């Protein structure tokens, strides 16, 4: 595995130095985050506890991976500034369960004593039916659209169009016939 640092950018506000890198791994599969952290720590002479790999992207069919990492000034800064899921991915923090308190278990109902037979049965009140009966709904009826007669009664053509349900449009101009085969266009 060969590591090549593409970019190094100091970030004093976040107390870290950010790196973009590329790893060539021709003989092996994509390296784990832990292997990348160790290699990056060795290349930058920093302790492994301060190195956090943020991204590691492997390309399909190519033995090359690119990624981003940050090396913090101290391990306390790394644990306080870095996002929690990155700390978990890099093995610097244990994953915390979503709920800190255990969910209350439902109470078990005490077994009811067996009913004793009664001498005279009492009439029970009329129970409501478990499911009310549904009346079938009639199918929806489409509203009827009335055709309106045109406001101006004109030519017989407009009357035919009104009967057909279309509105009259402007009359179209006839296309002028092309120049006859024997006539030539006027010369300028």
Protein backbone atom coordinates (compact mmCIF):
# COMPACT_ATOMS: atom_id res chain seq x y z
CA UNK A 1 0.00 0.00 0.00
CA UNK A 2 1.41 3.34 -1.09
CA UNK A 3 0.15 6.66 0.29
CA UNK A 4 0.37 9.92 -1.66
CA UNK A 5 -0.69 13.20 -0.04
CA UNK A 6 -2.41 15.39 -2.63
CA UNK A 7 -3.17 18.45 -0.49
CA UNK A 8 -2.29 19.67 2.98
CA UNK A 9 -4.29 22.56 4.42
CA UNK A 10 -3.85 23.92 7.96
CA UNK A 11 -7.03 24.88 9.83
CA UNK A 12 -6.03 26.69 13.03
CA UNK A 13 -9.60 27.54 13.99
CA UNK A 14 -10.47 23.85 14.27
CA UNK A 15 -7.02 22.99 15.66
CA UNK A 16 -6.22 20.56 12.88
CA UNK A 17 -4.47 20.05 9.56
CA UNK A 18 -6.66 18.67 6.77
CA UNK A 19 -5.30 16.27 4.18
CA UNK A 20 -6.50 14.94 0.84
CA UNK A 21 -4.72 11.72 -0.07
CA UNK A 22 -4.61 8.86 -2.52
CA UNK A 23 -3.76 5.25 -1.70
CA UNK A 24 -2.57 2.71 -4.26
CA UNK A 25 -3.33 -0.87 -3.21
CA UNK A 26 -2.56 -3.09 -6.21
CA UNK A 27 -1.93 -6.33 -4.32
CA UNK A 28 -4.69 -6.01 -1.70
CA UNK A 29 -8.36 -5.01 -1.40
CA UNK A 30 -9.41 -1.56 -0.24
CA UNK A 31 -7.63 -0.88 3.06
CA UNK A 32 -9.61 -0.40 6.26
CA UNK A 33 -9.83 2.96 7.99
CA UNK A 34 -7.50 1.68 10.70
CA UNK A 35 -4.81 0.74 8.13
CA UNK A 36 -5.17 4.14 6.44
CA UNK A 37 -4.91 5.94 9.80
CA UNK A 38 -1.71 4.03 10.60
CA UNK A 39 -0.18 4.79 7.19
CA UNK A 40 -1.13 8.48 7.39
CA UNK A 41 0.23 8.75 10.94
CA UNK A 42 3.52 7.22 9.77
CA UNK A 43 3.73 9.59 6.77
CA UNK A 44 3.08 12.73 8.87
CA UNK A 45 4.91 11.67 12.07
CA UNK A 46 1.75 12.13 14.16
CA UNK A 47 0.27 9.76 16.74
CA UNK A 48 -2.49 7.53 15.39
CA UNK A 49 -4.94 8.73 18.10
CA UNK A 50 -4.98 12.22 16.55
CA UNK A 51 -5.66 11.02 12.97
CA UNK A 52 -9.30 10.85 11.86
CA UNK A 53 -10.21 9.59 8.39
CA UNK A 54 -13.30 11.48 7.25
CA UNK A 55 -13.84 9.91 3.82
CA UNK A 56 -12.41 6.97 1.93
CA UNK A 57 -13.70 6.36 -1.60
CA UNK A 58 -12.63 3.37 -3.65
CA UNK A 59 -13.18 3.34 -7.41
CA UNK A 60 -14.58 0.22 -9.00
CA UNK A 61 -12.04 -1.76 -11.02
CA UNK A 62 -9.10 0.43 -10.02
CA UNK A 63 -6.66 -0.32 -7.20
CA UNK A 64 -6.76 3.28 -6.01
CA UNK A 65 -8.71 4.98 -3.22
CA UNK A 66 -8.99 8.67 -2.44
CA UNK A 67 -9.89 10.16 0.86
CA UNK A 68 -9.85 13.02 3.31
CA UNK A 69 -8.44 13.03 6.82
CA UNK A 70 -7.69 15.47 9.61
CA UNK A 71 -4.83 15.39 12.08
CA UNK A 72 -5.66 17.30 15.25
CA UNK A 73 -3.17 19.16 17.48
CA UNK A 74 -4.01 16.87 20.41
CA UNK A 75 -6.32 13.95 21.12
CA UNK A 76 -8.60 16.05 23.36
CA UNK A 77 -9.24 18.45 20.47
CA UNK A 78 -9.97 15.48 18.22
CA UNK A 79 -12.55 14.08 20.63
CA UNK A 80 -14.20 17.42 21.32
CA UNK A 81 -14.26 18.88 17.77
CA UNK A 82 -14.70 15.90 15.45
CA UNK A 83 -18.20 14.66 14.74
CA UNK A 84 -19.30 11.76 16.89
CA UNK A 85 -20.02 9.34 14.04
CA UNK A 86 -16.47 9.90 12.71
CA UNK A 87 -15.02 9.10 16.12
CA UNK A 88 -17.05 5.86 16.16
CA UNK A 89 -15.95 4.93 12.62
CA UNK A 90 -12.30 5.53 13.48
CA UNK A 91 -12.52 3.50 16.70
CA UNK A 92 -11.87 6.40 19.07
CA UNK A 93 -15.29 6.19 20.73
CA UNK A 94 -17.80 3.44 21.41
CA UNK A 95 -21.18 3.64 19.74
CA UNK A 96 -23.85 4.90 22.12
CA UNK A 97 -27.30 3.36 22.03
CA UNK A 98 -30.05 5.74 20.95
CA UNK A 99 -31.99 5.53 24.20
CA UNK A 100 -30.02 5.70 27.42
CA UNK A 101 -32.89 4.46 29.57
CA UNK A 102 -34.30 1.02 28.92
CA UNK A 103 -37.82 1.01 27.57
CA UNK A 104 -40.36 0.10 30.23
CA UNK A 105 -41.65 -3.40 29.83
CA UNK A 106 -45.41 -3.73 29.55
CA UNK A 107 -46.92 -4.97 32.77
CA UNK A 108 -48.25 -8.47 32.66
CA UNK A 109 -51.90 -8.68 33.46
CA UNK A 110 -52.70 -10.77 36.49
CA UNK A 111 -54.60 -13.87 35.58
CA UNK A 112 -58.27 -13.36 36.22
CA UNK A 113 -59.87 -15.98 38.47
CA UNK A 114 -62.13 -18.45 36.73
CA UNK A 115 -65.72 -17.19 36.64
CA UNK A 116 -68.05 -18.88 39.05
CA UNK A 117 -71.31 -20.22 37.65
CA UNK A 118 -74.34 -18.11 38.56
CA UNK A 119 -77.65 -19.57 39.54
CA UNK A 120 -79.76 -17.31 37.35
CA UNK A 121 -78.37 -15.69 34.23
CA UNK A 122 -78.95 -11.95 34.09
CA UNK A 123 -80.03 -10.46 30.77
CA UNK A 124 -77.14 -8.76 29.05
CA UNK A 125 -77.57 -5.28 27.63
CA UNK A 126 -77.83 -5.10 23.85
CA UNK A 127 -74.32 -5.03 22.52
CA UNK A 128 -73.43 -2.74 19.68
CA UNK A 129 -72.60 -4.60 16.49
CA UNK A 130 -68.87 -5.09 16.07
CA UNK A 131 -68.88 -3.62 12.58
CA UNK A 132 -71.56 -1.25 11.38
CA UNK A 133 -73.08 -2.26 8.11
CA UNK A 134 -72.04 -0.11 5.19
CA UNK A 135 -74.59 0.95 2.69
CA UNK A 136 -73.37 0.67 -0.88
CA UNK A 137 -72.70 4.11 -2.28
CA UNK A 138 -74.11 4.92 -5.68
CA UNK A 139 -71.52 5.40 -8.41
CA UNK A 140 -70.54 9.03 -9.03
CA UNK A 141 -72.49 10.69 -11.81
CA UNK A 142 -70.61 12.89 -14.28
CA UNK A 143 -72.10 16.38 -14.60
CA UNK A 144 -73.84 17.06 -17.88
CA UNK A 145 -72.37 19.80 -20.04
CA UNK A 146 -74.84 21.84 -22.02
CA UNK A 147 -73.86 23.17 -25.41
CA UNK A 148 -74.34 26.88 -25.85
CA UNK A 149 -75.52 28.37 -29.10
CA UNK A 150 -73.23 31.04 -30.58
CA UNK A 151 -74.26 34.60 -29.79
CA UNK A 152 -74.36 35.69 -33.43
CA UNK A 153 -76.18 33.63 -35.96
CA UNK A 154 -74.27 33.97 -39.18
CA UNK A 155 -73.52 31.85 -42.16
CA UNK A 156 -74.66 28.26 -42.58
CA UNK A 157 -71.09 27.13 -41.86
CA UNK A 158 -71.11 28.71 -38.41
CA UNK A 159 -74.45 27.05 -37.71
CA UNK A 160 -72.98 23.65 -38.64
CA UNK A 161 -69.97 24.30 -36.37
CA UNK A 162 -72.28 25.31 -33.53
CA UNK A 163 -74.16 22.05 -33.95
CA UNK A 164 -70.87 20.15 -33.91
CA UNK A 165 -69.83 21.92 -30.68
CA UNK A 166 -66.95 23.98 -32.04
CA UNK A 167 -66.57 27.71 -32.24
CA UNK A 168 -66.17 29.44 -35.57
CA UNK A 169 -62.69 30.63 -36.41
CA UNK A 170 -61.31 33.21 -38.77
CA UNK A 171 -61.54 32.23 -42.42
CA UNK A 172 -58.29 30.92 -43.78
CA UNK A 173 -56.56 32.51 -46.74
CA UNK A 174 -55.96 30.31 -49.69
CA UNK A 175 -52.34 29.74 -50.55
CA UNK A 176 -51.33 31.40 -53.77
CA UNK A 177 -50.46 28.97 -56.50
CA UNK A 178 -46.80 28.52 -57.24
CA UNK A 179 -45.39 29.98 -60.41
CA UNK A 180 -46.37 27.97 -63.41
CA UNK A 181 -43.79 25.66 -64.81
CA UNK A 182 -43.42 27.69 -67.97
CA UNK A 183 -43.24 31.11 -66.30
CA UNK A 184 -39.97 32.37 -65.01
CA UNK A 185 -39.54 34.56 -61.99
CA UNK A 186 -39.14 38.27 -62.75
CA UNK A 187 -35.49 39.29 -63.04
CA UNK A 188 -34.19 42.25 -61.13
